[in-house]
C-alpha atoms as a PDB file:
ATOM      1  CA  UNK A   1       7.618  16.644  13.879  1.00  0.00           C
ATOM      2  CA  UNK A   2       7.949  12.970  13.606  1.00  0.00           C
ATOM      3  CA  UNK A   3       9.507  11.264  10.571  1.00  0.00           C
ATOM      4  CA  UNK A   4       7.838   7.844   9.812  1.00  0.00           C
ATOM      5  CA  UNK A   5       9.169   5.148   7.420  1.00  0.00           C
ATOM      6  CA  UNK A   6       7.083   2.134   6.593  1.00  0.00           C
ATOM      7  CA  UNK A   7       8.373  -1.318   5.404  1.00  0.00           C
ATOM      8  CA  UNK A   8       7.253  -4.858   5.000  1.00  0.00           C
ATOM      9  CA  UNK A   9       4.780  -4.543   2.398  1.00  0.00           C
ATOM     10  CA  UNK A  10       4.777  -7.033  -0.488  1.00  0.00           C
ATOM     11  CA  UNK A  11       2.747  -9.603  -2.435  1.00  0.00           C
ATOM     12  CA  UNK A  12       1.005 -12.491  -0.810  1.00  0.00           C
ATOM     13  CA  UNK A  13      -1.465 -15.122  -1.435  1.00  0.00           C
ATOM     14  CA  UNK A  14      -4.896 -14.946   0.011  1.00  0.00           C
ATOM     15  CA  UNK A  15      -4.798 -16.433   3.526  1.00  0.00           C
ATOM     16  CA  UNK A  16      -1.226 -15.458   4.087  1.00  0.00           C
ATOM     17  CA  UNK A  17       0.389 -13.156   6.588  1.00  0.00           C
ATOM     18  CA  UNK A  18       2.408  -9.969   6.333  1.00  0.00           C
ATOM     19  CA  UNK A  19       4.082  -7.894   9.092  1.00  0.00           C
ATOM     20  CA  UNK A  20       4.237  -4.190   8.446  1.00  0.00           C
ATOM     21  CA  UNK A  21       6.765  -1.860  10.415  1.00  0.00           C
ATOM     22  CA  UNK A  22       6.704   1.850  11.015  1.00  0.00           C
ATOM     23  CA  UNK A  23      10.026   3.273  12.252  1.00  0.00           C
ATOM     24  CA  UNK A  24       9.671   6.587  13.845  1.00  0.00           C
ATOM     25  CA  UNK A  25      12.070   9.395  14.533  1.00  0.00           C
ATOM     26  CA  UNK A  26      12.738  10.838  17.067  1.00  0.00           C
ATOM     27  CA  UNK A  27      10.247   8.924  19.436  1.00  0.00           C
ATOM     28  CA  UNK A  28       6.917   7.529  19.755  1.00  0.00           C
ATOM     29  CA  UNK A  29       6.205   6.907  23.449  1.00  0.00           C
ATOM     30  CA  UNK A  30       4.152   9.878  24.015  1.00  0.00           C
ATOM     31  CA  UNK A  31       2.322   9.802  20.624  1.00  0.00           C
ATOM     32  CA  UNK A  32      -0.830   8.216  19.241  1.00  0.00           C
ATOM     33  CA  UNK A  33      -0.256   6.091  16.148  1.00  0.00           C
ATOM     34  CA  UNK A  34      -2.286   4.631  13.561  1.00  0.00           C
ATOM     35  CA  UNK A  35      -2.265   2.494  10.412  1.00  0.00           C
ATOM     36  CA  UNK A  36      -4.359   3.677   7.388  1.00  0.00           C
ATOM     37  CA  UNK A  37      -4.745   2.368   3.848  1.00  0.00           C
ATOM     38  CA  UNK A  38      -5.873   3.526   0.678  1.00  0.00           C
ATOM     39  CA  UNK A  39      -6.953   1.741  -2.653  1.00  0.00           C
ATOM     40  CA  UNK A  40      -7.077   3.505  -6.111  1.00  0.00           C
ATOM     41  CA  UNK A  41     -10.325   5.458  -6.331  1.00  0.00           C
ATOM     42  CA  UNK A  42     -11.091   5.146  -2.647  1.00  0.00           C
ATOM     43  CA  UNK A  43     -10.631   7.460   0.332  1.00  0.00           C
ATOM     44  CA  UNK A  44      -7.932   6.617   2.984  1.00  0.00           C
ATOM     45  CA  UNK A  45      -9.415   4.514   5.835  1.00  0.00           C
ATOM     46  CA  UNK A  46      -8.299   3.857   9.243  1.00  0.00           C
ATOM     47  CA  UNK A  47      -7.164   0.232  10.059  1.00  0.00           C
ATOM     48  CA  UNK A  48      -5.986   0.219  13.572  1.00  0.00           C
ATOM     49  CA  UNK A  49      -4.704   2.705  15.954  1.00  0.00           C
ATOM     50  CA  UNK A  50      -2.872   2.532  19.407  1.00  0.00           C
ATOM     51  CA  UNK A  51      -2.884   4.999  22.113  1.00  0.00           C
ATOM     52  CA  UNK A  52      -0.039   6.079  24.603  1.00  0.00           C
ATOM     53  CA  UNK A  53      -0.840   3.565  27.225  1.00  0.00           C
ATOM     54  CA  UNK A  54      -1.197   0.650  24.607  1.00  0.00           C
ATOM     55  CA  UNK A  55      -4.789   0.133  23.971  1.00  0.00           C
ATOM     56  CA  UNK A  56      -5.642  -0.634  20.444  1.00  0.00           C
ATOM     57  CA  UNK A  57      -8.818  -0.056  18.149  1.00  0.00           C
ATOM     58  CA  UNK A  58      -9.563  -1.931  14.927  1.00  0.00           C
ATOM     59  CA  UNK A  59     -11.726  -1.225  11.934  1.00  0.00           C
ATOM     60  CA  UNK A  60     -14.497  -3.902  11.768  1.00  0.00           C
ATOM     61  CA  UNK A  61     -13.265  -5.040   8.478  1.00  0.00           C
ATOM     62  CA  UNK A  62      -9.922  -6.376  10.018  1.00  0.00           C
ATOM     63  CA  UNK A  63     -10.911  -7.396  13.599  1.00  0.00           C
ATOM     64  CA  UNK A  64      -9.618 -10.874  14.476  1.00  0.00           C
ATOM     65  CA  UNK A  65      -7.017 -10.675  11.557  1.00  0.00           C
ATOM     66  CA  UNK A  66      -4.880  -7.668  12.382  1.00  0.00           C
ATOM     67  CA  UNK A  67      -2.793  -6.808  15.502  1.00  0.00           C
ATOM     68  CA  UNK A  68      -1.199  -3.514  16.077  1.00  0.00           C
ATOM     69  CA  UNK A  69       1.694  -3.292  18.596  1.00  0.00           C
ATOM     70  CA  UNK A  70       4.483  -0.843  19.268  1.00  0.00           C
ATOM     71  CA  UNK A  71       8.054  -1.089  20.784  1.00  0.00           C
ATOM     72  CA  UNK A  72       8.838   2.276  22.337  1.00  0.00           C
ATOM     73  CA  UNK A  73      12.325   1.207  22.956  1.00  0.00           C
ATOM     74  CA  UNK A  74      12.966   0.848  19.291  1.00  0.00           C
ATOM     75  CA  UNK A  75      10.578   3.615  18.190  1.00  0.00           C
ATOM     76  CA  UNK A  76       8.691   1.149  15.944  1.00  0.00           C
ATOM     77  CA  UNK A  77       5.022   0.215  15.449  1.00  0.00           C
ATOM     78  CA  UNK A  78       4.040  -3.040  14.005  1.00  0.00           C
ATOM     79  CA  UNK A  79       0.991  -4.343  12.109  1.00  0.00           C
ATOM     80  CA  UNK A  80       0.756  -7.964  11.947  1.00  0.00           C
ATOM     81  CA  UNK A  81      -1.791  -9.133   9.294  1.00  0.00           C
ATOM     82  CA  UNK A  82      -3.009 -12.653   9.083  1.00  0.00           C
ATOM     83  CA  UNK A  83      -5.585 -14.257   6.994  1.00  0.00           C
ATOM     84  CA  UNK A  84      -5.220 -11.626   4.368  1.00  0.00           C
ATOM     85  CA  UNK A  85      -7.920 -11.173   1.744  1.00  0.00           C
ATOM     86  CA  UNK A  86      -7.760  -9.635  -1.778  1.00  0.00           C
ATOM     87  CA  UNK A  87      -9.842  -6.690  -0.499  1.00  0.00           C
ATOM     88  CA  UNK A  88      -6.820  -5.861   1.845  1.00  0.00           C
ATOM     89  CA  UNK A  89      -4.876  -4.779  -1.140  1.00  0.00           C
ATOM     90  CA  UNK A  90      -3.987  -1.172  -0.653  1.00  0.00           C
ATOM     91  CA  UNK A  91      -1.116   1.227   0.112  1.00  0.00           C
ATOM     92  CA  UNK A  92      -0.601   1.264   3.864  1.00  0.00           C
ATOM     93  CA  UNK A  93       0.472   4.277   5.731  1.00  0.00           C
ATOM     94  CA  UNK A  94       1.391   4.856   9.249  1.00  0.00           C
ATOM     95  CA  UNK A  95       0.523   8.081  11.116  1.00  0.00           C
ATOM     96  CA  UNK A  96       1.427   9.816  14.346  1.00  0.00           C
ATOM     97  CA  UNK A  97       0.144  12.751  16.480  1.00  0.00           C
ATOM     98  CA  UNK A  98       0.167  14.063  19.943  1.00  0.00           C
ATOM     99  CA  UNK A  99      -3.690  14.035  19.940  1.00  0.00           C
ATOM    100  CA  UNK A 100      -5.840  11.160  19.540  1.00  0.00           C
ATOM    101  CA  UNK A 101      -7.712  11.005  16.318  1.00  0.00           C
ATOM    102  CA  UNK A 102      -8.873   7.467  16.431  1.00  0.00           C
ATOM    103  CA  UNK A 103      -9.450   6.032  13.066  1.00  0.00           C
ATOM    104  CA  UNK A 104      -9.961   9.508  11.443  1.00  0.00           C
ATOM    105  CA  UNK A 105      -7.344  10.896   9.290  1.00  0.00           C
ATOM    106  CA  UNK A 106      -6.449  13.997  11.294  1.00  0.00           C
ATOM    107  CA  UNK A 107      -3.017  12.959  12.317  1.00  0.00           C
ATOM    108  CA  UNK A 108      -0.232  15.362  11.535  1.00  0.00           C
ATOM    109  CA  UNK A 109       2.681  13.162  10.568  1.00  0.00           C
ATOM    110  CA  UNK A 110       2.506  10.435   7.759  1.00  0.00           C
ATOM    111  CA  UNK A 111       4.841   7.973   6.350  1.00  0.00           C
ATOM    112  CA  UNK A 112       5.248   7.599   2.529  1.00  0.00           C
ATOM    113  CA  UNK A 113       3.450   4.054   2.500  1.00  0.00           C
ATOM    114  CA  UNK A 114       4.126   0.607   1.661  1.00  0.00           C
ATOM    115  CA  UNK A 115       2.168  -1.377  -0.842  1.00  0.00           C
ATOM    116  CA  UNK A 116       0.354  -4.659   0.045  1.00  0.00           C
ATOM    117  CA  UNK A 117      -0.998  -6.772  -2.720  1.00  0.00           C
ATOM    118  CA  UNK A 118      -3.150  -9.893  -1.902  1.00  0.00           C
ATOM    119  CA  UNK A 119      -3.940 -12.221  -4.782  1.00  0.00           C
ATOM    120  CA  UNK A 120      -6.602 -14.873  -4.875  1.00  0.00           C
END
């Protein structure tokens, strides 16, 4: 089982950037990882995923504004978010699995989440 710890959330004005980090233990080089978000009263939705060989996928709502990357040497995945909008406000979670679930929530391992709040 992989333990995941998210960080980097906070409050930001619309149009601003944030970078979220997901530190994994023990390793992530052979795993699929994803970032998801959930707002109160809404279902958890996929934001972005990265596969073992580095290819990424993004939800239509964030394409062009968000970049997912991972540093296998540091066992850390990053979610760089630019041009943030109030509708991006949510708890953001990273997830990990040995199988590829894409933007679906079937991942085995989840972090506790980090809150992102975007004000207009």
